[in-house]
Amino acid sequence: MSHISHTYILLHLLSDPNQYDFDNTLELEIRSSIEDQAVLYTCDNFSDSVTLSYVSDLLKAEKVTIICDLSEGITTAGKLASIFNQLIRHPNVRLFVNREALFLKPYMIRLKGIVYTEVREVLDNSQ
């Protein structure tokens, strides 16, 4: 069994579950750029409890990068709020969001989050 060097979690925060893009270019670009021993897991704020439990388990990894893809007009983390609360206690986590959101401000401050415009910013700053 190989060692997981880094866990990337892509969180889609959607205002409508029908907005989910299964061919998301952000995910494809990240997946093609991360190291071989890294894990990329994707979920959204409409995910079921089993999926969210798995994300909680992934947060136990040594090194975690959270990438938030917020749809326009999103005002709450919804079911993902518990995930954000767990991040605060993680010793080695990086948080990236594609746009500012008032409900994420406490996490952005505490975790020194970065608002990104290009995937390269995430990859270059998550090491």
N, C-alpha and C. Protein backbone atom coordinates (compact mmCIF):
# COMPACT_ATOMS: atom_id res chain seq x y z
N MET A 1 0.84 -1.17 0.00
CA MET A 1 0.00 0.00 0.00
C MET A 1 0.88 1.24 0.00
N SER A 2 0.64 2.16 -0.93
CA SER A 2 1.48 3.35 -1.03
C SER A 2 1.03 4.41 -0.03
N HIS A 3 1.96 5.26 0.31
CA HIS A 3 1.72 6.33 1.27
C HIS A 3 1.02 7.49 0.56
N ILE A 4 -0.02 8.02 1.17
CA ILE A 4 -0.72 9.18 0.62
C ILE A 4 0.04 10.42 1.06
N SER A 5 0.57 11.16 0.10
CA SER A 5 1.39 12.31 0.43
C SER A 5 0.57 13.56 0.73
N HIS A 6 -0.60 13.65 0.16
CA HIS A 6 -1.37 14.88 0.25
C HIS A 6 -2.82 14.57 -0.10
N THR A 7 -3.75 15.15 0.62
CA THR A 7 -5.17 14.99 0.31
C THR A 7 -5.74 16.32 -0.15
N TYR A 8 -6.34 16.31 -1.31
CA TYR A 8 -7.03 17.48 -1.86
C TYR A 8 -8.52 17.18 -1.82
N ILE A 9 -9.29 18.11 -1.28
CA ILE A 9 -10.74 17.94 -1.24
C ILE A 9 -11.36 19.12 -1.95
N LEU A 10 -12.08 18.82 -3.01
CA LEU A 10 -12.76 19.85 -3.79
C LEU A 10 -14.21 19.89 -3.36
N LEU A 11 -14.60 21.01 -2.77
CA LEU A 11 -15.97 21.18 -2.28
C LEU A 11 -16.72 22.13 -3.21
N HIS A 12 -17.76 21.61 -3.83
CA HIS A 12 -18.62 22.44 -4.68
C HIS A 12 -19.77 22.94 -3.82
N LEU A 13 -19.90 24.23 -3.70
CA LEU A 13 -21.02 24.81 -2.96
C LEU A 13 -21.99 25.36 -3.99
N LEU A 14 -23.10 24.65 -4.14
CA LEU A 14 -24.07 24.93 -5.19
C LEU A 14 -25.37 25.46 -4.61
N SER A 15 -26.05 26.30 -5.35
CA SER A 15 -27.36 26.76 -4.90
C SER A 15 -28.46 25.80 -5.37
N ASP A 16 -28.13 24.95 -6.34
CA ASP A 16 -29.08 23.99 -6.89
C ASP A 16 -28.31 22.70 -7.23
N PRO A 17 -28.77 21.53 -6.77
CA PRO A 17 -28.04 20.30 -7.06
C PRO A 17 -27.90 20.01 -8.56
N ASN A 18 -28.78 20.55 -9.36
CA ASN A 18 -28.69 20.34 -10.81
C ASN A 18 -27.53 21.10 -11.44
N GLN A 19 -26.88 21.97 -10.68
CA GLN A 19 -25.73 22.71 -11.19
C GLN A 19 -24.47 21.87 -11.21
N TYR A 20 -24.49 20.70 -10.58
CA TYR A 20 -23.27 19.90 -10.49
C TYR A 20 -22.77 19.55 -11.89
N ASP A 21 -21.50 19.83 -12.12
CA ASP A 21 -20.88 19.60 -13.42
C ASP A 21 -19.97 18.38 -13.30
N PHE A 22 -20.36 17.27 -13.90
CA PHE A 22 -19.59 16.03 -13.81
C PHE A 22 -18.31 16.07 -14.65
N ASP A 23 -18.21 17.04 -15.54
CA ASP A 23 -17.01 17.23 -16.34
C ASP A 23 -16.34 18.55 -15.95
N ASN A 24 -16.27 18.80 -14.66
CA ASN A 24 -15.75 20.05 -14.14
C ASN A 24 -14.28 20.24 -14.54
N THR A 25 -14.01 21.34 -15.22
CA THR A 25 -12.64 21.59 -15.70
C THR A 25 -11.68 21.83 -14.54
N LEU A 26 -12.15 22.42 -13.45
CA LEU A 26 -11.31 22.63 -12.28
C LEU A 26 -10.82 21.28 -11.74
N GLU A 27 -11.74 20.36 -11.57
CA GLU A 27 -11.38 19.02 -11.07
C GLU A 27 -10.42 18.31 -12.02
N LEU A 28 -10.69 18.38 -13.30
CA LEU A 28 -9.84 17.71 -14.28
C LEU A 28 -8.43 18.29 -14.27
N GLU A 29 -8.33 19.59 -14.15
CA GLU A 29 -7.02 20.23 -14.14
C GLU A 29 -6.23 19.87 -12.87
N ILE A 30 -6.91 19.87 -11.73
CA ILE A 30 -6.24 19.49 -10.48
C ILE A 30 -5.78 18.03 -10.56
N ARG A 31 -6.69 17.17 -10.99
CA ARG A 31 -6.39 15.74 -11.06
C ARG A 31 -5.17 15.46 -11.96
N SER A 32 -5.02 16.21 -13.03
CA SER A 32 -3.90 15.98 -13.95
C SER A 32 -2.60 16.59 -13.44
N SER A 33 -2.67 17.44 -12.41
CA SER A 33 -1.48 18.16 -11.95
C SER A 33 -0.92 17.69 -10.61
N ILE A 34 -1.69 16.96 -9.82
CA ILE A 34 -1.21 16.57 -8.49
C ILE A 34 -0.28 15.37 -8.57
N GLU A 35 0.50 15.20 -7.53
CA GLU A 35 1.47 14.11 -7.49
C GLU A 35 0.77 12.75 -7.42
N ASP A 36 1.48 11.71 -7.81
CA ASP A 36 0.91 10.36 -7.90
C ASP A 36 0.38 9.83 -6.57
N GLN A 37 1.04 10.16 -5.47
CA GLN A 37 0.63 9.63 -4.17
C GLN A 37 -0.43 10.50 -3.49
N ALA A 38 -0.96 11.47 -4.21
CA ALA A 38 -1.99 12.35 -3.63
C ALA A 38 -3.39 11.82 -3.94
N VAL A 39 -4.34 12.23 -3.12
CA VAL A 39 -5.74 11.86 -3.28
C VAL A 39 -6.53 13.13 -3.58
N LEU A 40 -7.45 13.05 -4.54
CA LEU A 40 -8.39 14.14 -4.79
C LEU A 40 -9.79 13.57 -4.62
N TYR A 41 -10.57 14.19 -3.75
CA TYR A 41 -11.93 13.76 -3.51
C TYR A 41 -12.85 14.96 -3.71
N THR A 42 -13.98 14.74 -4.33
CA THR A 42 -14.91 15.81 -4.66
C THR A 42 -16.28 15.52 -4.06
N CYS A 43 -16.89 16.56 -3.50
CA CYS A 43 -18.27 16.44 -3.04
C CYS A 43 -18.92 17.83 -3.10
N ASP A 44 -20.17 17.89 -2.73
CA ASP A 44 -20.87 19.17 -2.74
C ASP A 44 -21.75 19.30 -1.51
N ASN A 45 -22.38 20.44 -1.37
CA ASN A 45 -23.21 20.70 -0.20
C ASN A 45 -24.54 19.96 -0.23
N PHE A 46 -24.77 19.15 -1.24
CA PHE A 46 -25.95 18.29 -1.29
C PHE A 46 -25.58 16.82 -1.08
N SER A 47 -24.33 16.56 -0.77
CA SER A 47 -23.87 15.18 -0.57
C SER A 47 -24.53 14.53 0.63
N ASP A 48 -24.62 13.21 0.61
CA ASP A 48 -25.26 12.49 1.71
C ASP A 48 -24.30 12.33 2.90
N SER A 49 -24.82 11.83 3.99
CA SER A 49 -24.04 11.71 5.23
C SER A 49 -22.87 10.74 5.10
N VAL A 50 -23.01 9.71 4.28
CA VAL A 50 -21.92 8.76 4.08
C VAL A 50 -20.74 9.46 3.40
N THR A 51 -21.02 10.25 2.40
CA THR A 51 -19.98 11.01 1.70
C THR A 51 -19.30 11.99 2.64
N LEU A 52 -20.08 12.70 3.42
CA LEU A 52 -19.51 13.68 4.35
C LEU A 52 -18.69 13.00 5.44
N SER A 53 -19.09 11.81 5.84
CA SER A 53 -18.31 11.05 6.82
C SER A 53 -16.96 10.67 6.23
N TYR A 54 -16.96 10.30 4.96
CA TYR A 54 -15.70 9.96 4.29
C TYR A 54 -14.79 11.19 4.20
N VAL A 55 -15.36 12.35 3.91
CA VAL A 55 -14.58 13.58 3.88
C VAL A 55 -13.97 13.84 5.26
N SER A 56 -14.74 13.63 6.32
CA SER A 56 -14.22 13.78 7.68
C SER A 56 -13.02 12.88 7.92
N ASP A 57 -13.10 11.65 7.44
CA ASP A 57 -11.98 10.73 7.56
C ASP A 57 -10.76 11.23 6.78
N LEU A 58 -10.98 11.78 5.61
CA LEU A 58 -9.88 12.30 4.81
C LEU A 58 -9.19 13.48 5.48
N LEU A 59 -9.91 14.20 6.31
CA LEU A 59 -9.33 15.34 7.02
C LEU A 59 -8.30 14.90 8.06
N LYS A 60 -8.22 13.61 8.33
CA LYS A 60 -7.23 13.11 9.28
C LYS A 60 -5.86 12.94 8.63
N ALA A 61 -5.77 13.18 7.33
CA ALA A 61 -4.51 13.06 6.62
C ALA A 61 -3.51 14.09 7.15
N GLU A 62 -2.25 13.81 6.92
CA GLU A 62 -1.19 14.68 7.41
C GLU A 62 -1.23 16.07 6.76
N LYS A 63 -1.52 16.12 5.48
CA LYS A 63 -1.52 17.37 4.73
C LYS A 63 -2.79 17.44 3.90
N VAL A 64 -3.56 18.52 4.09
CA VAL A 64 -4.86 18.64 3.42
C VAL A 64 -4.97 20.00 2.74
N THR A 65 -5.47 19.98 1.52
CA THR A 65 -5.80 21.20 0.79
C THR A 65 -7.28 21.16 0.46
N ILE A 66 -8.00 22.19 0.88
CA ILE A 66 -9.43 22.31 0.60
C ILE A 66 -9.59 23.37 -0.49
N ILE A 67 -10.28 23.01 -1.55
CA ILE A 67 -10.54 23.92 -2.65
C ILE A 67 -12.06 24.07 -2.74
N CYS A 68 -12.54 25.28 -2.55
CA CYS A 68 -13.97 25.54 -2.60
C CYS A 68 -14.34 26.21 -3.91
N ASP A 69 -15.29 25.62 -4.57
CA ASP A 69 -15.82 26.15 -5.82
C ASP A 69 -17.24 26.63 -5.52
N LEU A 70 -17.35 27.92 -5.24
CA LEU A 70 -18.63 28.49 -4.83
C LEU A 70 -19.40 29.00 -6.04
N SER A 71 -20.66 28.58 -6.17
CA SER A 71 -21.49 29.14 -7.23
C SER A 71 -21.92 30.54 -6.83
N GLU A 72 -22.23 31.30 -7.82
CA GLU A 72 -22.63 32.68 -7.57
C GLU A 72 -23.90 32.71 -6.73
N GLY A 73 -23.93 33.58 -5.74
CA GLY A 73 -25.10 33.74 -4.90
C GLY A 73 -25.20 32.79 -3.72
N ILE A 74 -24.24 31.89 -3.54
CA ILE A 74 -24.29 30.95 -2.42
C ILE A 74 -24.05 31.72 -1.13
N THR A 75 -24.88 31.46 -0.10
CA THR A 75 -24.80 32.24 1.14
C THR A 75 -24.60 31.38 2.38
N THR A 76 -24.50 30.08 2.21
CA THR A 76 -24.33 29.19 3.36
C THR A 76 -23.56 27.94 2.95
N ALA A 77 -22.88 27.35 3.93
CA ALA A 77 -22.15 26.12 3.66
C ALA A 77 -23.08 24.91 3.69
N GLY A 78 -24.27 25.06 4.24
CA GLY A 78 -25.20 23.94 4.29
C GLY A 78 -24.61 22.77 5.05
N LYS A 79 -24.72 21.59 4.47
CA LYS A 79 -24.21 20.37 5.10
C LYS A 79 -22.70 20.38 5.29
N LEU A 80 -21.99 21.24 4.56
CA LEU A 80 -20.53 21.27 4.65
C LEU A 80 -20.03 22.07 5.86
N ALA A 81 -20.92 22.68 6.61
CA ALA A 81 -20.51 23.48 7.77
C ALA A 81 -19.68 22.65 8.76
N SER A 82 -20.05 21.40 8.97
CA SER A 82 -19.30 20.57 9.91
C SER A 82 -17.87 20.31 9.40
N ILE A 83 -17.71 20.22 8.09
CA ILE A 83 -16.38 20.04 7.51
C ILE A 83 -15.53 21.28 7.77
N PHE A 84 -16.09 22.45 7.56
CA PHE A 84 -15.35 23.69 7.80
C PHE A 84 -14.96 23.81 9.27
N ASN A 85 -15.84 23.41 10.17
CA ASN A 85 -15.51 23.46 11.60
C ASN A 85 -14.36 22.53 11.95
N GLN A 86 -14.27 21.39 11.30
CA GLN A 86 -13.17 20.46 11.54
C GLN A 86 -11.83 21.02 11.05
N LEU A 87 -11.87 21.83 10.03
CA LEU A 87 -10.64 22.39 9.46
C LEU A 87 -9.87 23.23 10.47
N ILE A 88 -10.57 23.91 11.34
CA ILE A 88 -9.94 24.81 12.29
C ILE A 88 -8.97 24.05 13.20
N ARG A 89 -9.27 22.81 13.50
CA ARG A 89 -8.42 22.03 14.39
C ARG A 89 -7.30 21.29 13.67
N HIS A 90 -7.27 21.35 12.35
CA HIS A 90 -6.25 20.62 11.59
C HIS A 90 -4.93 21.40 11.60
N PRO A 91 -3.82 20.73 11.90
CA PRO A 91 -2.53 21.44 11.99
C PRO A 91 -1.90 21.81 10.65
N ASN A 92 -2.33 21.17 9.57
CA ASN A 92 -1.67 21.41 8.29
C ASN A 92 -2.69 21.41 7.16
N VAL A 93 -3.48 22.47 7.11
CA VAL A 93 -4.52 22.58 6.08
C VAL A 93 -4.39 23.91 5.36
N ARG A 94 -4.66 23.88 4.07
CA ARG A 94 -4.70 25.09 3.25
C ARG A 94 -6.11 25.20 2.70
N LEU A 95 -6.65 26.42 2.68
CA LEU A 95 -8.01 26.67 2.20
C LEU A 95 -7.96 27.66 1.04
N PHE A 96 -8.60 27.28 -0.06
CA PHE A 96 -8.68 28.12 -1.25
C PHE A 96 -10.14 28.24 -1.66
N VAL A 97 -10.56 29.43 -2.00
CA VAL A 97 -11.92 29.66 -2.48
C VAL A 97 -11.86 30.47 -3.77
N ASN A 98 -12.82 30.24 -4.65
CA ASN A 98 -12.81 30.96 -5.92
C ASN A 98 -13.48 32.33 -5.84
N ARG A 99 -14.15 32.62 -4.74
CA ARG A 99 -14.74 33.95 -4.53
C ARG A 99 -15.00 34.14 -3.05
N GLU A 100 -15.05 35.38 -2.65
CA GLU A 100 -15.29 35.67 -1.24
C GLU A 100 -16.75 35.40 -0.90
N ALA A 101 -16.96 34.96 0.33
CA ALA A 101 -18.31 34.70 0.82
C ALA A 101 -18.32 35.02 2.31
N LEU A 102 -19.29 35.76 2.76
CA LEU A 102 -19.37 36.19 4.15
C LEU A 102 -19.35 35.01 5.11
N PHE A 103 -20.05 33.93 4.79
CA PHE A 103 -20.12 32.79 5.71
C PHE A 103 -18.78 32.06 5.84
N LEU A 104 -17.86 32.28 4.91
CA LEU A 104 -16.54 31.65 4.99
C LEU A 104 -15.48 32.54 5.63
N LYS A 105 -15.82 33.79 5.88
CA LYS A 105 -14.83 34.74 6.39
C LYS A 105 -14.10 34.27 7.65
N PRO A 106 -14.79 33.73 8.66
CA PRO A 106 -14.05 33.26 9.85
C PRO A 106 -13.02 32.17 9.52
N TYR A 107 -13.35 31.29 8.60
CA TYR A 107 -12.43 30.22 8.21
C TYR A 107 -11.27 30.77 7.39
N MET A 108 -11.58 31.72 6.53
CA MET A 108 -10.53 32.35 5.71
C MET A 108 -9.53 33.06 6.61
N ILE A 109 -10.01 33.74 7.63
CA ILE A 109 -9.11 34.45 8.56
C ILE A 109 -8.28 33.45 9.35
N ARG A 110 -8.94 32.50 9.98
CA ARG A 110 -8.26 31.54 10.86
C ARG A 110 -7.24 30.68 10.11
N LEU A 111 -7.59 30.29 8.88
CA LEU A 111 -6.74 29.37 8.11
C LEU A 111 -5.88 30.10 7.07
N LYS A 112 -5.94 31.44 7.12
CA LYS A 112 -5.19 32.25 6.14
C LYS A 112 -5.53 31.80 4.72
N GLY A 113 -6.82 31.70 4.47
CA GLY A 113 -7.30 31.25 3.17
C GLY A 113 -6.93 32.20 2.05
N ILE A 114 -6.95 31.67 0.85
CA ILE A 114 -6.59 32.41 -0.35
C ILE A 114 -7.76 32.36 -1.33
N VAL A 115 -8.10 33.53 -1.88
CA VAL A 115 -9.07 33.58 -2.97
C VAL A 115 -8.27 33.40 -4.26
N TYR A 116 -8.56 32.34 -4.98
CA TYR A 116 -7.80 32.04 -6.20
C TYR A 116 -8.58 32.41 -7.45
N THR A 117 -7.85 32.69 -8.51
CA THR A 117 -8.48 32.94 -9.81
C THR A 117 -8.09 31.87 -10.82
N GLU A 118 -6.95 31.20 -10.57
CA GLU A 118 -6.49 30.15 -11.47
C GLU A 118 -6.05 28.94 -10.65
N VAL A 119 -6.21 27.76 -11.20
CA VAL A 119 -5.84 26.52 -10.52
C VAL A 119 -4.36 26.50 -10.16
N ARG A 120 -3.54 27.11 -10.99
CA ARG A 120 -2.10 27.13 -10.73
C ARG A 120 -1.81 27.76 -9.38
N GLU A 121 -2.58 28.77 -8.97
CA GLU A 121 -2.41 29.40 -7.66
C GLU A 121 -2.62 28.40 -6.53
N VAL A 122 -3.60 27.55 -6.70
CA VAL A 122 -3.89 26.52 -5.70
C VAL A 122 -2.73 25.53 -5.61
N LEU A 123 -2.32 25.03 -6.75
CA LEU A 123 -1.27 24.02 -6.79
C LEU A 123 0.07 24.57 -6.30
N ASP A 124 0.40 25.80 -6.67
CA ASP A 124 1.67 26.40 -6.25
C ASP A 124 1.70 26.73 -4.77
N ASN A 125 0.55 27.02 -4.17
CA ASN A 125 0.49 27.45 -2.78
C ASN A 125 0.03 26.36 -1.81
N SER A 126 -0.20 25.17 -2.29
CA SER A 126 -0.70 24.11 -1.40
C SER A 126 0.42 23.20 -0.91
N GLN A 127 1.63 23.43 -1.32
CA GLN A 127 2.75 22.59 -0.94
C GLN A 127 3.22 22.81 0.48
